Amino acid sequence: MKKKNIIPKNYLDKIPSRPDSIEWKQDTEGIVTLEIKNTGWANKIAQVLFKRPKVSYIHLDKMGSFIWSIMDGKMDITAIGKQVDEKFGKDAHPLYERLAKYFQIMDSYHFIKWVEAK
């Protein structure tokens, strides 16, 4: 069996952006709700057989909502971290570990897209 070279992703150097396919709303308190459309043949079957919804609503917490609202496809995660630190202070620490985990999770669900650095 051949071993694959697994290179860990350094999320701090990446530039996240919101996909155009995800609609979202922000309430008066700043909380963001993502509207994820469940499309595809597997989702259609689940909707018919198991009464699954056509749209799933994902409610982000305060920090996640703030991050989502400032993701513009121009700032890397380090720059986003500086703004998060200014807004939330010690409540956001350990800052970059939390940001890396946040973006890993968002990436695993395809809730973000990555922009190439120029």
C-alpha atoms as a PDB file:
ATOM      1  CA  MET A   1       0.000   0.000   0.000  1.00  0.00           C
ATOM      2  CA  LYS A   2       1.385   3.334  -1.033  1.00  0.00           C
ATOM      3  CA  LYS A   3       1.335   6.155   1.506  1.00  0.00           C
ATOM      4  CA  LYS A   4      -0.114   9.431   0.362  1.00  0.00           C
ATOM      5  CA  ASN A   5       1.599  12.657   1.291  1.00  0.00           C
ATOM      6  CA  ILE A   6      -0.995  14.415   3.348  1.00  0.00           C
ATOM      7  CA  ILE A   7      -0.207  18.091   3.621  1.00  0.00           C
ATOM      8  CA  PRO A   8      -2.143  19.825   6.380  1.00  0.00           C
ATOM      9  CA  LYS A   9      -4.077  22.845   5.188  1.00  0.00           C
ATOM     10  CA  ASN A  10      -2.982  26.153   6.621  1.00  0.00           C
ATOM     11  CA  TYR A  11      -6.302  27.944   6.840  1.00  0.00           C
ATOM     12  CA  LEU A  12      -4.759  31.187   8.110  1.00  0.00           C
ATOM     13  CA  ASP A  13      -3.290  31.979   4.690  1.00  0.00           C
ATOM     14  CA  LYS A  14      -6.503  31.303   2.802  1.00  0.00           C
ATOM     15  CA  ILE A  15      -9.057  33.855   1.641  1.00  0.00           C
ATOM     16  CA  PRO A  16     -12.652  32.799   2.339  1.00  0.00           C
ATOM     17  CA  SER A  17     -15.696  34.063   0.490  1.00  0.00           C
ATOM     18  CA  ARG A  18     -19.434  33.515   0.670  1.00  0.00           C
ATOM     19  CA  PRO A  19     -20.777  31.410  -2.211  1.00  0.00           C
ATOM     20  CA  ASP A  20     -23.410  33.110  -4.344  1.00  0.00           C
ATOM     21  CA  SER A  21     -25.551  29.975  -4.087  1.00  0.00           C
ATOM     22  CA  ILE A  22     -26.147  30.426  -0.345  1.00  0.00           C
ATOM     23  CA  GLU A  23     -28.770  32.947   0.643  1.00  0.00           C
ATOM     24  CA  TRP A  24     -28.535  34.440   4.098  1.00  0.00           C
ATOM     25  CA  LYS A  25     -30.280  36.895   6.362  1.00  0.00           C
ATOM     26  CA  GLN A  26     -29.144  38.893   9.349  1.00  0.00           C
ATOM     27  CA  ASP A  27     -31.577  39.797  12.131  1.00  0.00           C
ATOM     28  CA  THR A  28     -31.600  43.008  14.165  1.00  0.00           C
ATOM     29  CA  GLU A  29     -29.209  41.482  16.729  1.00  0.00           C
ATOM     30  CA  GLY A  30     -26.678  40.596  14.016  1.00  0.00           C
ATOM     31  CA  ILE A  31     -27.340  36.840  14.025  1.00  0.00           C
ATOM     32  CA  VAL A  32     -26.950  35.298  10.563  1.00  0.00           C
ATOM     33  CA  THR A  33     -29.166  32.513   9.251  1.00  0.00           C
ATOM     34  CA  LEU A  34     -27.946  30.607   6.207  1.00  0.00           C
ATOM     35  CA  GLU A  35     -30.585  29.205   3.861  1.00  0.00           C
ATOM     36  CA  ILE A  36     -29.256  25.977   2.352  1.00  0.00           C
ATOM     37  CA  LYS A  37     -31.306  24.561  -0.519  1.00  0.00           C
ATOM     38  CA  ASN A  38     -31.394  20.771  -0.451  1.00  0.00           C
ATOM     39  CA  THR A  39     -31.054  19.896  -4.124  1.00  0.00           C
ATOM     40  CA  GLY A  40     -30.003  16.780  -5.981  1.00  0.00           C
ATOM     41  CA  TRP A  41     -31.614  13.418  -6.487  1.00  0.00           C
ATOM     42  CA  ALA A  42     -30.767  12.053  -2.998  1.00  0.00           C
ATOM     43  CA  ASN A  43     -32.339  15.093  -1.362  1.00  0.00           C
ATOM     44  CA  LYS A  44     -35.421  14.807  -3.586  1.00  0.00           C
ATOM     45  CA  ILE A  45     -35.897  11.196  -2.487  1.00  0.00           C
ATOM     46  CA  ALA A  46     -35.422  12.155   1.179  1.00  0.00           C
ATOM     47  CA  GLN A  47     -37.936  14.993   0.791  1.00  0.00           C
ATOM     48  CA  VAL A  48     -40.572  12.642  -0.626  1.00  0.00           C
ATOM     49  CA  LEU A  49     -39.965   9.559   1.511  1.00  0.00           C
ATOM     50  CA  PHE A  50     -38.840  11.072   4.803  1.00  0.00           C
ATOM     51  CA  LYS A  51     -40.493  14.506   4.645  1.00  0.00           C
ATOM     52  CA  ARG A  52     -37.138  16.324   4.704  1.00  0.00           C
ATOM     53  CA  PRO A  53     -37.292  20.083   4.108  1.00  0.00           C
ATOM     54  CA  LYS A  54     -36.446  21.684   0.770  1.00  0.00           C
ATOM     55  CA  VAL A  55     -34.484  24.374   2.608  1.00  0.00           C
ATOM     56  CA  SER A  56     -32.394  23.963   5.767  1.00  0.00           C
ATOM     57  CA  TYR A  57     -31.804  26.962   8.016  1.00  0.00           C
ATOM     58  CA  ILE A  58     -28.434  27.170   9.758  1.00  0.00           C
ATOM     59  CA  HIS A  59     -28.280  29.696  12.604  1.00  0.00           C
ATOM     60  CA  LEU A  60     -24.780  30.949  13.376  1.00  0.00           C
ATOM     61  CA  ASP A  61     -23.687  32.192  16.790  1.00  0.00           C
ATOM     62  CA  LYS A  62     -22.574  35.784  17.410  1.00  0.00           C
ATOM     63  CA  MET A  63     -18.956  35.248  16.454  1.00  0.00           C
ATOM     64  CA  GLY A  64     -19.804  33.071  13.450  1.00  0.00           C
ATOM     65  CA  SER A  65     -22.332  35.664  12.303  1.00  0.00           C
ATOM     66  CA  PHE A  66     -19.762  38.434  12.562  1.00  0.00           C
ATOM     67  CA  ILE A  67     -17.216  36.407  10.594  1.00  0.00           C
ATOM     68  CA  TRP A  68     -19.800  35.541   7.919  1.00  0.00           C
ATOM     69  CA  SER A  69     -20.787  39.173   7.512  1.00  0.00           C
ATOM     70  CA  ILE A  70     -17.198  40.374   6.952  1.00  0.00           C
ATOM     71  CA  MET A  71     -16.088  37.575   4.601  1.00  0.00           C
ATOM     72  CA  ASP A  72     -15.718  39.491   1.370  1.00  0.00           C
ATOM     73  CA  GLY A  73     -13.235  37.417  -0.599  1.00  0.00           C
ATOM     74  CA  LYS A  74     -10.507  40.028  -0.086  1.00  0.00           C
ATOM     75  CA  MET A  75      -9.307  39.398   3.485  1.00  0.00           C
ATOM     76  CA  ASP A  76      -7.377  36.331   4.529  1.00  0.00           C
ATOM     77  CA  ILE A  77      -8.183  34.605   7.786  1.00  0.00           C
ATOM     78  CA  THR A  78      -5.402  36.430   9.616  1.00  0.00           C
ATOM     79  CA  ALA A  79      -6.988  39.798   8.741  1.00  0.00           C
ATOM     80  CA  ILE A  80     -10.412  38.481   9.713  1.00  0.00           C
ATOM     81  CA  GLY A  81      -8.892  37.351  13.012  1.00  0.00           C
ATOM     82  CA  LYS A  82      -7.714  40.881  13.773  1.00  0.00           C
ATOM     83  CA  GLN A  83     -11.253  42.199  13.351  1.00  0.00           C
ATOM     84  CA  VAL A  84     -12.680  39.371  15.457  1.00  0.00           C
ATOM     85  CA  ASP A  85     -10.126  40.142  18.180  1.00  0.00           C
ATOM     86  CA  GLU A  86     -11.077  43.835  18.129  1.00  0.00           C
ATOM     87  CA  LYS A  87     -14.789  43.038  18.442  1.00  0.00           C
ATOM     88  CA  PHE A  88     -14.773  40.084  20.877  1.00  0.00           C
ATOM     89  CA  GLY A  89     -11.451  40.465  22.695  1.00  0.00           C
ATOM     90  CA  LYS A  90     -10.595  37.649  25.092  1.00  0.00           C
ATOM     91  CA  ASP A  91     -13.928  35.928  24.430  1.00  0.00           C
ATOM     92  CA  ALA A  92     -12.505  34.885  21.040  1.00  0.00           C
ATOM     93  CA  HIS A  93      -9.334  33.290  22.412  1.00  0.00           C
ATOM     94  CA  PRO A  94      -7.601  31.050  21.510  1.00  0.00           C
ATOM     95  CA  LEU A  95      -8.351  33.089  18.412  1.00  0.00           C
ATOM     96  CA  TYR A  96      -6.597  31.457  15.479  1.00  0.00           C
ATOM     97  CA  GLU A  97      -7.244  27.918  16.655  1.00  0.00           C
ATOM     98  CA  ARG A  98     -10.950  28.735  16.831  1.00  0.00           C
ATOM     99  CA  LEU A  99     -10.899  30.450  13.442  1.00  0.00           C
ATOM    100  CA  ALA A 100      -9.113  27.524  11.813  1.00  0.00           C
ATOM    101  CA  LYS A 101     -11.695  25.120  13.250  1.00  0.00           C
ATOM    102  CA  TYR A 102     -14.585  27.375  12.197  1.00  0.00           C
ATOM    103  CA  PHE A 103     -13.351  27.499   8.620  1.00  0.00           C
ATOM    104  CA  GLN A 104     -12.616  23.757   8.571  1.00  0.00           C
ATOM    105  CA  ILE A 105     -16.223  23.098   9.559  1.00  0.00           C
ATOM    106  CA  MET A 106     -17.643  25.632   7.117  1.00  0.00           C
ATOM    107  CA  ASP A 107     -15.457  24.155   4.364  1.00  0.00           C
ATOM    108  CA  SER A 108     -16.538  20.590   5.150  1.00  0.00           C
ATOM    109  CA  TYR A 109     -20.187  21.579   4.574  1.00  0.00           C
ATOM    110  CA  HIS A 110     -19.277  23.616   1.459  1.00  0.00           C
ATOM    111  CA  PHE A 111     -20.645  26.800   3.064  1.00  0.00           C
ATOM    112  CA  ILE A 112     -17.645  28.827   1.888  1.00  0.00           C
ATOM    113  CA  LYS A 113     -15.516  29.062  -1.211  1.00  0.00           C
ATOM    114  CA  TRP A 114     -11.834  29.876  -1.347  1.00  0.00           C
ATOM    115  CA  VAL A 115     -10.413  32.736  -3.379  1.00  0.00           C
ATOM    116  CA  GLU A 116      -6.919  32.500  -4.812  1.00  0.00           C
ATOM    117  CA  ALA A 117      -4.487  35.040  -3.336  1.00  0.00           C
ATOM    118  CA  LYS A 118      -3.201  37.542  -5.850  1.00  0.00           C
END
